[in-house]
C-alpha cells in the first residue's frame, strides 16, 4: 500500500465518506453471513440437509467475496482520490442483485414445495 503515502491527501470528508461506504459493504457481507447461519440453524429441514447446507455454504462464500470486494473498492477509491483521477466504476452491484434474486427464488421454491 505504498500509494497511501503518494499523491495528495484527499479532503477528509471524502475519505470518511469512502470509509462509510466500505462499512456499508461490510454490513452487506454480515447480512449474507447471518442469513447463512440463520438458514443452517433455524431452518435445517427447509429443503433437506444437503440442499440447506449448499445454500448456507454459498451464502457464506458470497459473504466472504463481498467483504474482500469491500476492501478492494475502498482502496481503489482512496487511490483515485489521491491521484485526482475518476473513481472506478463497479459492475459488482449487478452481481449482488442477481445473486439475491436467484437466492430468493431458490428459497421460495423450497418453501413452496417442501410443505
Protein backbone atom coordinates (compact mmCIF):
# COMPACT_ATOMS: atom_id res chain seq x y z
CA UNK A 1 0.00 0.00 0.00
CA UNK A 2 2.72 2.45 -0.92
CA UNK A 3 0.07 4.63 -2.61
CA UNK A 4 -1.10 5.72 0.88
CA UNK A 5 1.99 7.91 1.08
CA UNK A 6 1.86 9.07 -2.53
CA UNK A 7 -0.29 11.59 -4.28
CA UNK A 8 -2.22 14.28 -2.48
CA UNK A 9 -4.20 13.59 0.68
CA UNK A 10 -7.90 13.88 -0.18
CA UNK A 11 -10.28 16.06 1.74
CA UNK A 12 -11.06 14.23 4.97
CA UNK A 13 -14.79 14.37 4.21
CA UNK A 14 -14.26 12.29 1.08
CA UNK A 15 -12.06 9.82 2.93
CA UNK A 16 -14.69 9.46 5.65
CA UNK A 17 -17.43 9.01 3.05
CA UNK A 18 -15.32 6.31 1.40
CA UNK A 19 -14.92 4.64 4.79
CA UNK A 20 -18.68 4.75 5.40
CA UNK A 21 -19.23 3.11 2.03
CA UNK A 22 -16.72 0.42 2.99
CA UNK A 23 -18.62 -0.18 6.23
CA UNK A 24 -21.91 -0.43 4.29
CA UNK A 25 -20.37 -3.17 2.14
CA UNK A 26 -19.18 -4.93 5.29
CA UNK A 27 -22.72 -4.76 6.71
CA UNK A 28 -23.96 -6.35 3.49
CA UNK A 29 -21.41 -9.16 3.90
CA UNK A 30 -22.51 -9.62 7.52
CA UNK A 31 -26.14 -9.83 6.39
CA UNK A 32 -25.26 -12.64 3.96
CA UNK A 33 -23.33 -14.41 6.71
CA UNK A 34 -26.24 -14.01 9.16
CA UNK A 35 -28.62 -15.40 6.53
CA UNK A 36 -26.35 -18.42 6.08
CA UNK A 37 -26.19 -19.09 9.81
CA UNK A 38 -29.91 -18.49 10.25
CA UNK A 39 -30.82 -20.82 7.41
CA UNK A 40 -28.50 -23.51 8.71
CA UNK A 41 -29.59 -23.27 12.33
CA UNK A 42 -33.24 -22.23 12.18
CA UNK A 43 -34.47 -23.99 9.05
CA UNK A 44 -32.43 -27.18 8.71
CA UNK A 45 -35.34 -29.14 7.22
CA UNK A 46 -36.33 -26.50 4.68
CA UNK A 47 -35.07 -28.47 1.70
CA UNK A 48 -33.31 -31.40 3.19
CA UNK A 49 -29.91 -31.39 4.83
CA UNK A 50 -27.81 -31.35 1.66
CA UNK A 51 -29.68 -28.52 -0.08
CA UNK A 52 -29.74 -26.41 3.08
CA UNK A 53 -26.02 -26.87 3.56
CA UNK A 54 -25.31 -25.96 -0.05
CA UNK A 55 -27.38 -22.77 0.20
CA UNK A 56 -25.76 -21.85 3.54
CA UNK A 57 -22.27 -22.54 2.21
CA UNK A 58 -22.99 -20.47 -0.91
CA UNK A 59 -24.16 -17.57 1.26
CA UNK A 60 -21.01 -17.85 3.41
CA UNK A 61 -18.76 -17.82 0.35
CA UNK A 62 -20.62 -14.85 -1.10
CA UNK A 63 -20.26 -13.02 2.23
CA UNK A 64 -16.50 -13.52 2.05
CA UNK A 65 -16.41 -12.31 -1.56
CA UNK A 66 -18.39 -9.17 -0.67
CA UNK A 67 -16.09 -8.45 2.29
CA UNK A 68 -13.00 -8.82 0.10
CA UNK A 69 -14.57 -6.66 -2.60
CA UNK A 70 -15.36 -4.00 0.04
CA UNK A 71 -11.68 -3.60 0.80
CA UNK A 72 -10.63 -3.63 -2.84
CA UNK A 73 -13.24 -0.98 -3.66
CA UNK A 74 -12.20 1.19 -0.69
CA UNK A 75 -8.54 1.01 -1.75
CA UNK A 76 -9.32 1.78 -5.41
CA UNK A 77 -11.44 4.78 -4.44
CA UNK A 78 -8.83 6.05 -2.00
CA UNK A 79 -6.11 5.70 -4.63
CA UNK A 80 -8.22 7.51 -7.23
CA UNK A 81 -8.85 10.39 -4.82
CA UNK A 82 -5.13 10.67 -4.01
CA UNK A 83 -4.16 10.77 -7.69
CA UNK A 84 -7.09 13.01 -8.66
CA UNK A 85 -8.47 10.52 -11.19
CA UNK A 86 -12.00 9.33 -11.84
CA UNK A 87 -13.47 6.90 -9.35
CA UNK A 88 -13.60 3.37 -10.75
CA UNK A 89 -16.93 2.03 -11.94
CA UNK A 90 -18.30 -1.09 -10.28
CA UNK A 91 -20.32 -3.74 -12.02
CA UNK A 92 -20.45 -5.78 -8.83
CA UNK A 93 -23.78 -4.25 -7.87
CA UNK A 94 -25.36 -6.28 -10.67
CA UNK A 95 -23.74 -9.42 -9.32
CA UNK A 96 -25.14 -8.82 -5.84
CA UNK A 97 -28.60 -8.07 -7.23
CA UNK A 98 -28.59 -11.17 -9.41
CA UNK A 99 -27.32 -13.32 -6.55
CA UNK A 100 -30.09 -12.03 -4.27
CA UNK A 101 -32.79 -12.69 -6.88
CA UNK A 102 -31.53 -16.24 -7.52
CA UNK A 103 -31.23 -16.96 -3.78
CA UNK A 104 -34.72 -15.61 -3.09
CA UNK A 105 -36.26 -17.66 -5.90
CA UNK A 106 -34.50 -20.85 -4.78
CA UNK A 107 -35.61 -20.38 -1.17
CA UNK A 108 -39.18 -19.57 -2.26
CA UNK A 109 -39.24 -22.76 -4.33
CA UNK A 110 -38.01 -24.77 -1.37
CA UNK A 111 -40.64 -23.22 0.90
CA UNK A 112 -43.39 -23.82 -1.64
CA UNK A 113 -42.53 -27.42 -2.45
CA UNK A 114 -41.21 -28.53 0.95
CA UNK A 115 -44.61 -28.26 2.62
